């Protein structure tokens, strides 16, 4: 019988410029989903809040400073159970990604751990090659940005 492990919690951040362009990063070619575009972010470590993890991950991956207070929750996506990367037995793990939008940061984003970073118009993001869970996150972001622009 398959045993489910605690879900793996990941944070992702959509940096949004005043013209509403969104920063994405291209995953390292040697990584799972290598060469695909994604929102920057990473795993929530033991003892961290999702917001703390987002602050840490963006400093590590992009070399920028953000504050937890600047993070605006957008939505989440989750996978069905995936094989655990640390246990090749029959244990399964669910992946949950929390997406935040952020319009305030310090520094210029650089591709420290990714192949590249680039700014995209929100409506073009879904046409990019992305990991499966980034598609529903991009749809949630578009709804979020539309609500922001209409004042809701």
N, C-alpha and C. Protein backbone atom coordinates (compact mmCIF):
# COMPACT_ATOMS: atom_id res chain seq x y z
N UNK A 1 0.84 -1.18 0.00
CA UNK A 1 0.00 0.00 0.00
C UNK A 1 0.89 1.25 0.00
N UNK A 2 0.50 2.24 -0.79
CA UNK A 2 1.28 3.48 -0.85
C UNK A 2 1.00 4.35 0.36
N UNK A 3 2.05 4.95 0.87
CA UNK A 3 1.94 5.81 2.04
C UNK A 3 2.18 7.25 1.60
N UNK A 4 1.30 8.16 2.01
CA UNK A 4 1.47 9.57 1.67
C UNK A 4 2.34 10.26 2.70
N UNK A 5 3.30 11.03 2.23
CA UNK A 5 4.16 11.82 3.10
C UNK A 5 3.55 13.20 3.27
N UNK A 6 4.08 13.95 4.23
CA UNK A 6 3.66 15.34 4.42
C UNK A 6 3.86 16.09 3.11
N UNK A 7 2.88 16.91 2.71
CA UNK A 7 3.05 17.67 1.46
C UNK A 7 4.30 18.53 1.48
N UNK A 8 4.91 18.70 0.32
CA UNK A 8 6.06 19.57 0.15
C UNK A 8 5.52 20.96 -0.17
N UNK A 9 5.81 21.92 0.69
CA UNK A 9 5.32 23.29 0.53
C UNK A 9 6.39 24.14 -0.12
N UNK A 10 6.01 24.82 -1.20
CA UNK A 10 6.91 25.66 -1.98
C UNK A 10 6.29 27.04 -2.13
N UNK A 11 7.10 28.08 -2.05
CA UNK A 11 6.62 29.43 -2.33
C UNK A 11 7.16 29.88 -3.67
N UNK A 12 6.37 30.69 -4.36
CA UNK A 12 6.78 31.28 -5.63
C UNK A 12 6.35 32.74 -5.60
N UNK A 13 7.12 33.58 -6.29
CA UNK A 13 6.83 35.01 -6.27
C UNK A 13 6.81 35.55 -7.69
N UNK A 14 5.75 36.28 -8.01
CA UNK A 14 5.66 37.01 -9.27
C UNK A 14 6.07 38.44 -8.99
N UNK A 15 7.29 38.81 -9.39
CA UNK A 15 7.70 40.21 -9.30
C UNK A 15 6.98 40.95 -10.42
N UNK A 16 6.30 42.04 -10.06
CA UNK A 16 5.47 42.76 -11.03
C UNK A 16 5.96 44.20 -11.12
N UNK A 17 6.37 44.60 -12.32
CA UNK A 17 6.81 45.98 -12.56
C UNK A 17 5.59 46.89 -12.71
N UNK A 18 5.80 48.22 -12.67
CA UNK A 18 4.68 49.15 -12.86
C UNK A 18 3.92 48.95 -14.18
N UNK A 19 4.60 48.47 -15.23
CA UNK A 19 3.92 48.20 -16.50
C UNK A 19 3.26 46.81 -16.51
N UNK A 20 3.20 46.17 -15.35
CA UNK A 20 2.60 44.85 -15.13
C UNK A 20 3.38 43.69 -15.75
N UNK A 21 4.57 43.93 -16.27
CA UNK A 21 5.38 42.80 -16.73
C UNK A 21 5.85 42.01 -15.51
N UNK A 22 5.94 40.70 -15.70
CA UNK A 22 6.23 39.76 -14.62
C UNK A 22 7.56 39.06 -14.90
N UNK A 23 8.37 38.93 -13.85
CA UNK A 23 9.66 38.25 -14.00
C UNK A 23 9.48 36.74 -13.88
N UNK A 24 10.06 36.01 -14.82
CA UNK A 24 10.15 34.56 -14.76
C UNK A 24 11.61 34.17 -14.91
N UNK A 25 11.93 32.98 -14.41
CA UNK A 25 13.29 32.48 -14.56
C UNK A 25 13.24 31.15 -15.30
N UNK A 26 14.29 30.89 -16.07
CA UNK A 26 14.41 29.64 -16.81
C UNK A 26 15.21 28.67 -15.96
N UNK A 27 14.60 27.52 -15.66
CA UNK A 27 15.24 26.53 -14.79
C UNK A 27 16.56 26.03 -15.39
N UNK A 28 17.49 25.75 -14.49
CA UNK A 28 18.77 25.17 -14.89
C UNK A 28 18.51 23.91 -15.70
N UNK A 29 19.24 23.75 -16.79
CA UNK A 29 19.01 22.61 -17.68
C UNK A 29 19.25 21.26 -17.01
N UNK A 30 20.04 21.21 -15.95
CA UNK A 30 20.31 19.94 -15.27
C UNK A 30 19.25 19.59 -14.22
N UNK A 31 18.33 20.50 -13.95
CA UNK A 31 17.30 20.29 -12.92
C UNK A 31 16.08 19.58 -13.51
N UNK A 32 15.23 19.07 -12.62
CA UNK A 32 13.93 18.58 -13.04
C UNK A 32 13.22 19.74 -13.73
N UNK A 33 12.54 19.49 -14.81
CA UNK A 33 11.89 20.54 -15.62
C UNK A 33 12.93 21.53 -16.16
N UNK A 34 14.14 21.05 -16.38
CA UNK A 34 15.21 21.92 -16.87
C UNK A 34 14.84 22.64 -18.16
N UNK A 35 15.19 23.92 -18.23
CA UNK A 35 14.93 24.73 -19.40
C UNK A 35 13.54 25.32 -19.48
N UNK A 36 12.67 24.99 -18.52
CA UNK A 36 11.32 25.55 -18.51
C UNK A 36 11.29 26.84 -17.70
N UNK A 37 10.34 27.71 -18.02
CA UNK A 37 10.18 28.99 -17.32
C UNK A 37 9.30 28.80 -16.10
N UNK A 38 9.62 29.51 -15.02
CA UNK A 38 8.86 29.39 -13.77
C UNK A 38 8.93 30.69 -12.98
N UNK A 39 8.04 30.80 -12.00
CA UNK A 39 8.13 31.89 -11.03
C UNK A 39 9.26 31.55 -10.07
N UNK A 40 10.11 32.51 -9.71
CA UNK A 40 11.18 32.22 -8.75
C UNK A 40 10.61 31.88 -7.37
N UNK A 41 11.33 31.07 -6.64
CA UNK A 41 10.92 30.68 -5.29
C UNK A 41 11.56 29.36 -4.93
N UNK A 42 11.02 28.71 -3.90
CA UNK A 42 11.58 27.44 -3.48
C UNK A 42 10.90 26.88 -2.25
N UNK A 43 11.48 25.81 -1.74
CA UNK A 43 10.90 25.06 -0.63
C UNK A 43 10.88 25.87 0.66
N UNK A 44 9.82 25.66 1.43
CA UNK A 44 9.72 26.22 2.77
C UNK A 44 10.48 25.27 3.70
N UNK A 45 11.49 25.79 4.38
CA UNK A 45 12.30 24.98 5.29
C UNK A 45 11.62 24.88 6.65
N UNK A 46 12.02 23.88 7.43
CA UNK A 46 11.48 23.69 8.78
C UNK A 46 11.70 24.97 9.58
N UNK A 47 10.66 25.44 10.25
CA UNK A 47 10.76 26.64 11.09
C UNK A 47 10.50 27.94 10.34
N UNK A 48 10.31 27.89 9.03
CA UNK A 48 10.05 29.10 8.25
C UNK A 48 8.57 29.25 7.97
N UNK A 49 8.13 30.49 7.85
CA UNK A 49 6.81 30.75 7.29
C UNK A 49 6.97 30.76 5.77
N UNK A 50 5.89 30.60 5.02
CA UNK A 50 6.01 30.71 3.57
C UNK A 50 6.59 32.07 3.14
N UNK A 51 6.22 33.12 3.84
CA UNK A 51 6.73 34.46 3.50
C UNK A 51 8.23 34.55 3.75
N UNK A 52 8.69 34.00 4.88
CA UNK A 52 10.13 33.99 5.17
C UNK A 52 10.89 33.22 4.09
N UNK A 53 10.32 32.10 3.65
CA UNK A 53 10.96 31.31 2.60
C UNK A 53 11.04 32.10 1.30
N UNK A 54 9.99 32.85 0.97
CA UNK A 54 9.99 33.65 -0.25
C UNK A 54 11.08 34.72 -0.19
N UNK A 55 11.21 35.39 0.95
CA UNK A 55 12.25 36.41 1.13
C UNK A 55 13.63 35.78 0.94
N UNK A 56 13.87 34.64 1.59
CA UNK A 56 15.16 33.96 1.50
C UNK A 56 15.44 33.49 0.08
N UNK A 57 14.47 32.85 -0.54
CA UNK A 57 14.68 32.29 -1.88
C UNK A 57 14.96 33.37 -2.92
N UNK A 58 14.27 34.51 -2.84
CA UNK A 58 14.52 35.56 -3.84
C UNK A 58 15.88 36.20 -3.66
N UNK A 59 16.36 36.26 -2.42
CA UNK A 59 17.73 36.76 -2.22
C UNK A 59 18.73 35.76 -2.80
N UNK A 60 18.51 34.46 -2.54
CA UNK A 60 19.41 33.43 -3.05
C UNK A 60 19.38 33.33 -4.58
N UNK A 61 18.19 33.31 -5.16
CA UNK A 61 18.04 33.05 -6.59
C UNK A 61 18.24 34.29 -7.46
N UNK A 62 17.82 35.46 -6.96
CA UNK A 62 17.83 36.67 -7.79
C UNK A 62 18.73 37.78 -7.26
N UNK A 63 19.19 37.64 -6.01
CA UNK A 63 20.03 38.68 -5.42
C UNK A 63 19.29 39.96 -5.09
N UNK A 64 18.00 39.85 -4.81
CA UNK A 64 17.21 41.04 -4.48
C UNK A 64 16.68 40.94 -3.06
N UNK A 65 16.33 42.09 -2.50
CA UNK A 65 15.73 42.14 -1.18
C UNK A 65 14.25 42.44 -1.29
N UNK A 66 13.45 41.66 -0.58
CA UNK A 66 12.02 41.95 -0.47
C UNK A 66 11.66 41.82 1.00
N UNK A 67 10.53 42.40 1.37
CA UNK A 67 10.04 42.22 2.74
C UNK A 67 8.79 41.36 2.69
N UNK A 68 8.56 40.62 3.75
CA UNK A 68 7.38 39.78 3.83
C UNK A 68 6.11 40.61 3.69
N UNK A 69 6.14 41.85 4.18
CA UNK A 69 4.97 42.73 4.11
C UNK A 69 4.62 43.12 2.68
N UNK A 70 5.57 43.03 1.76
CA UNK A 70 5.33 43.39 0.35
C UNK A 70 4.73 42.24 -0.45
N UNK A 71 4.58 41.08 0.17
CA UNK A 71 4.05 39.92 -0.53
C UNK A 71 2.53 39.90 -0.46
N UNK A 72 1.90 39.81 -1.61
CA UNK A 72 0.44 39.81 -1.73
C UNK A 72 0.00 38.42 -2.21
N UNK A 73 -0.72 37.66 -1.37
CA UNK A 73 -1.12 36.31 -1.78
C UNK A 73 -1.97 36.33 -3.05
N UNK A 74 -1.65 35.44 -3.98
CA UNK A 74 -2.37 35.35 -5.25
C UNK A 74 -3.19 34.07 -5.33
N UNK A 75 -2.59 32.94 -5.00
CA UNK A 75 -3.28 31.67 -5.10
C UNK A 75 -2.32 30.53 -4.87
N UNK A 76 -2.81 29.32 -5.13
CA UNK A 76 -1.96 28.15 -4.95
C UNK A 76 -2.31 27.10 -6.00
N UNK A 77 -1.41 26.16 -6.18
CA UNK A 77 -1.65 25.01 -7.03
C UNK A 77 -1.05 23.80 -6.34
N UNK A 78 -1.67 22.64 -6.55
CA UNK A 78 -1.14 21.42 -5.94
C UNK A 78 -1.18 20.29 -6.94
N UNK A 79 -0.26 19.37 -6.75
CA UNK A 79 -0.18 18.20 -7.62
C UNK A 79 -0.82 17.02 -6.94
N UNK A 80 -1.11 16.01 -7.73
CA UNK A 80 -1.44 14.74 -7.13
C UNK A 80 -0.13 14.18 -6.58
N UNK A 81 -0.21 13.11 -5.89
CA UNK A 81 0.99 12.58 -5.24
C UNK A 81 2.08 12.25 -6.25
N UNK A 82 3.29 12.65 -5.90
CA UNK A 82 4.48 12.41 -6.71
C UNK A 82 5.43 11.51 -5.94
N UNK A 83 6.27 10.74 -6.61
CA UNK A 83 7.27 9.96 -5.88
C UNK A 83 8.19 10.90 -5.10
N UNK A 84 8.50 10.53 -3.89
CA UNK A 84 9.42 11.32 -3.08
C UNK A 84 10.82 11.22 -3.67
N UNK A 85 11.50 12.35 -3.79
CA UNK A 85 12.86 12.33 -4.34
C UNK A 85 13.87 11.78 -3.34
N UNK A 86 13.50 11.74 -2.07
CA UNK A 86 14.43 11.26 -1.05
C UNK A 86 14.18 9.81 -0.66
N UNK A 87 13.06 9.26 -1.06
CA UNK A 87 12.72 7.90 -0.69
C UNK A 87 12.17 7.19 -1.92
N UNK A 88 12.95 6.30 -2.48
CA UNK A 88 12.55 5.63 -3.72
C UNK A 88 11.62 4.44 -3.46
N UNK A 89 11.15 4.29 -2.24
CA UNK A 89 10.19 3.21 -1.98
C UNK A 89 8.83 3.64 -2.51
N UNK A 90 7.78 3.13 -1.94
CA UNK A 90 6.45 3.44 -2.46
C UNK A 90 5.82 4.64 -1.77
N UNK A 91 6.61 5.46 -1.11
CA UNK A 91 6.09 6.66 -0.47
C UNK A 91 5.79 7.71 -1.53
N UNK A 92 4.73 8.45 -1.32
CA UNK A 92 4.30 9.49 -2.26
C UNK A 92 4.25 10.83 -1.55
N UNK A 93 4.40 11.90 -2.31
CA UNK A 93 4.41 13.24 -1.74
C UNK A 93 3.59 14.17 -2.64
N UNK A 94 2.76 15.01 -2.03
CA UNK A 94 2.00 16.02 -2.76
C UNK A 94 2.77 17.32 -2.73
N UNK A 95 2.81 18.02 -3.85
CA UNK A 95 3.48 19.31 -3.96
C UNK A 95 2.43 20.42 -3.91
N UNK A 96 2.63 21.41 -3.05
CA UNK A 96 1.75 22.57 -2.94
C UNK A 96 2.59 23.82 -3.16
N UNK A 97 2.23 24.63 -4.16
CA UNK A 97 2.95 25.87 -4.45
C UNK A 97 2.05 27.05 -4.12
N UNK A 98 2.55 27.94 -3.27
CA UNK A 98 1.85 29.18 -2.92
C UNK A 98 2.45 30.31 -3.75
N UNK A 99 1.61 31.06 -4.47
CA UNK A 99 2.11 32.16 -5.29
C UNK A 99 1.76 33.50 -4.65
N UNK A 100 2.76 34.36 -4.58
CA UNK A 100 2.61 35.73 -4.11
C UNK A 100 2.97 36.68 -5.24
N UNK A 101 2.36 37.87 -5.24
CA UNK A 101 2.79 38.96 -6.12
C UNK A 101 3.58 39.94 -5.26
N UNK A 102 4.57 40.57 -5.86
CA UNK A 102 5.39 41.55 -5.15
C UNK A 102 5.73 42.68 -6.11
N UNK A 103 5.42 43.91 -5.72
CA UNK A 103 5.69 45.08 -6.55
C UNK A 103 6.84 45.93 -6.01
N UNK A 104 7.34 45.59 -4.82
CA UNK A 104 8.42 46.37 -4.21
C UNK A 104 9.60 45.47 -3.87
N UNK A 105 10.77 45.81 -4.38
CA UNK A 105 11.99 45.07 -4.06
C UNK A 105 13.18 45.99 -4.21
N UNK A 106 14.30 45.56 -3.64
CA UNK A 106 15.55 46.31 -3.73
C UNK A 106 16.53 45.50 -4.56
N UNK A 107 17.14 46.17 -5.54
CA UNK A 107 18.13 45.53 -6.39
C UNK A 107 17.56 45.16 -7.74
N UNK A 108 18.46 44.76 -8.62
CA UNK A 108 18.08 44.33 -9.97
C UNK A 108 18.16 42.81 -10.03
N UNK A 109 17.04 42.13 -10.34
CA UNK A 109 17.06 40.66 -10.38
C UNK A 109 18.10 40.11 -11.36
N UNK A 110 18.88 39.15 -10.87
CA UNK A 110 19.91 38.48 -11.66
C UNK A 110 19.67 36.97 -11.61
N UNK A 111 20.03 36.27 -12.66
CA UNK A 111 19.88 34.81 -12.71
C UNK A 111 21.05 34.16 -11.98
N UNK A 112 20.95 34.03 -10.66
CA UNK A 112 22.02 33.43 -9.87
C UNK A 112 22.00 31.91 -9.92
N UNK A 113 20.81 31.32 -9.94
CA UNK A 113 20.69 29.86 -9.92
C UNK A 113 19.97 29.32 -11.15
N UNK A 114 19.50 30.20 -12.01
CA UNK A 114 18.74 29.81 -13.20
C UNK A 114 19.57 30.10 -14.45
N UNK A 115 19.09 29.61 -15.57
CA UNK A 115 19.75 29.88 -16.85
C UNK A 115 19.58 31.33 -17.27
N UNK A 116 18.40 31.90 -16.98
CA UNK A 116 18.10 33.27 -17.42
C UNK A 116 16.91 33.79 -16.64
N UNK A 117 16.73 35.10 -16.65
CA UNK A 117 15.51 35.74 -16.17
C UNK A 117 15.02 36.66 -17.28
N UNK A 118 13.71 36.86 -17.34
CA UNK A 118 13.14 37.75 -18.35
C UNK A 118 11.78 38.25 -17.86
N UNK A 119 11.39 39.41 -18.38
CA UNK A 119 10.11 40.03 -18.04
C UNK A 119 9.10 39.73 -19.14
N UNK A 120 7.90 39.31 -18.74
CA UNK A 120 6.85 38.95 -19.69
C UNK A 120 5.54 39.66 -19.36
N UNK A 121 4.79 39.95 -20.40
CA UNK A 121 3.43 40.45 -20.21
C UNK A 121 2.60 39.29 -19.66
N UNK A 122 1.72 39.55 -18.69
CA UNK A 122 0.97 38.46 -18.06
C UNK A 122 0.24 37.56 -19.06
N UNK A 123 -0.36 38.16 -20.08
CA UNK A 123 -1.16 37.35 -21.02
C UNK A 123 -0.30 36.45 -21.92
N UNK A 124 1.01 36.66 -21.95
CA UNK A 124 1.88 35.80 -22.77
C UNK A 124 2.51 34.66 -21.97
N UNK A 125 2.40 34.71 -20.66
CA UNK A 125 3.07 33.71 -19.82
C UNK A 125 2.59 32.30 -20.13
N UNK A 126 1.29 32.11 -20.29
CA UNK A 126 0.74 30.77 -20.50
C UNK A 126 1.20 30.13 -21.81
N UNK A 127 1.78 30.90 -22.71
CA UNK A 127 2.29 30.34 -23.97
C UNK A 127 3.73 29.82 -23.83
N UNK A 128 4.34 30.09 -22.69
CA UNK A 128 5.71 29.63 -22.45
C UNK A 128 5.71 28.16 -22.05
N UNK A 129 6.85 27.51 -22.20
CA UNK A 129 7.01 26.15 -21.69
C UNK A 129 7.32 26.25 -20.21
N UNK A 130 6.41 25.71 -19.38
CA UNK A 130 6.53 25.81 -17.93
C UNK A 130 6.25 24.46 -17.28
N UNK A 131 6.69 24.27 -16.02
CA UNK A 131 6.26 23.09 -15.27
C UNK A 131 4.74 23.12 -15.14
N UNK A 132 4.09 21.97 -15.04
CA UNK A 132 2.63 21.91 -15.06
C UNK A 132 1.92 22.81 -14.05
N UNK A 133 2.42 22.91 -12.83
CA UNK A 133 1.72 23.71 -11.82
C UNK A 133 1.84 25.21 -12.04
N UNK A 134 2.77 25.64 -12.87
CA UNK A 134 2.90 27.08 -13.13
C UNK A 134 1.78 27.61 -14.02
N UNK A 135 1.12 26.75 -14.80
CA UNK A 135 0.02 27.21 -15.65
C UNK A 135 -1.17 27.70 -14.83
N UNK A 136 -1.69 26.92 -13.86
CA UNK A 136 -2.79 27.47 -13.05
C UNK A 136 -2.35 28.67 -12.21
N UNK A 137 -1.09 28.71 -11.81
CA UNK A 137 -0.60 29.88 -11.06
C UNK A 137 -0.60 31.12 -11.95
N UNK A 138 -0.21 30.97 -13.21
CA UNK A 138 -0.21 32.13 -14.11
C UNK A 138 -1.63 32.62 -14.36
N UNK A 139 -2.60 31.71 -14.45
CA UNK A 139 -4.00 32.11 -14.60
C UNK A 139 -4.48 32.87 -13.37
N UNK A 140 -4.12 32.39 -12.18
CA UNK A 140 -4.48 33.09 -10.95
C UNK A 140 -3.85 34.47 -10.90
N UNK A 141 -2.62 34.59 -11.37
CA UNK A 141 -1.95 35.89 -11.39
C UNK A 141 -2.66 36.87 -12.31
N UNK A 142 -3.07 36.42 -13.48
CA UNK A 142 -3.80 37.30 -14.41
C UNK A 142 -5.08 37.80 -13.75
N UNK A 143 -5.83 36.92 -13.11
CA UNK A 143 -7.05 37.35 -12.40
C UNK A 143 -6.72 38.36 -11.31
N UNK A 144 -5.65 38.11 -10.58
CA UNK A 144 -5.22 39.00 -9.50
C UNK A 144 -4.85 40.39 -10.04
N UNK A 145 -4.09 40.43 -11.12
CA UNK A 145 -3.68 41.71 -11.70
C UNK A 145 -4.87 42.47 -12.27
N UNK A 146 -5.82 41.76 -12.86
CA UNK A 146 -7.04 42.41 -13.37
C UNK A 146 -7.84 43.01 -12.23
N UNK A 147 -7.95 42.28 -11.12
CA UNK A 147 -8.68 42.80 -9.96
C UNK A 147 -7.98 44.03 -9.40
N UNK A 148 -6.64 44.01 -9.37
CA UNK A 148 -5.87 45.17 -8.91
C UNK A 148 -6.14 46.39 -9.78
N UNK A 149 -6.14 46.19 -11.09
CA UNK A 149 -6.29 47.33 -12.00
C UNK A 149 -7.71 47.88 -12.01
N UNK A 150 -8.69 47.05 -11.62
CA UNK A 150 -10.07 47.54 -11.57
C UNK A 150 -10.42 48.09 -10.20
N UNK A 151 -9.47 48.01 -9.26
CA UNK A 151 -9.69 48.57 -7.93
C UNK A 151 -10.44 47.67 -6.98
N UNK A 152 -10.59 46.39 -7.32
CA UNK A 152 -11.30 45.45 -6.45
C UNK A 152 -10.37 44.77 -5.49
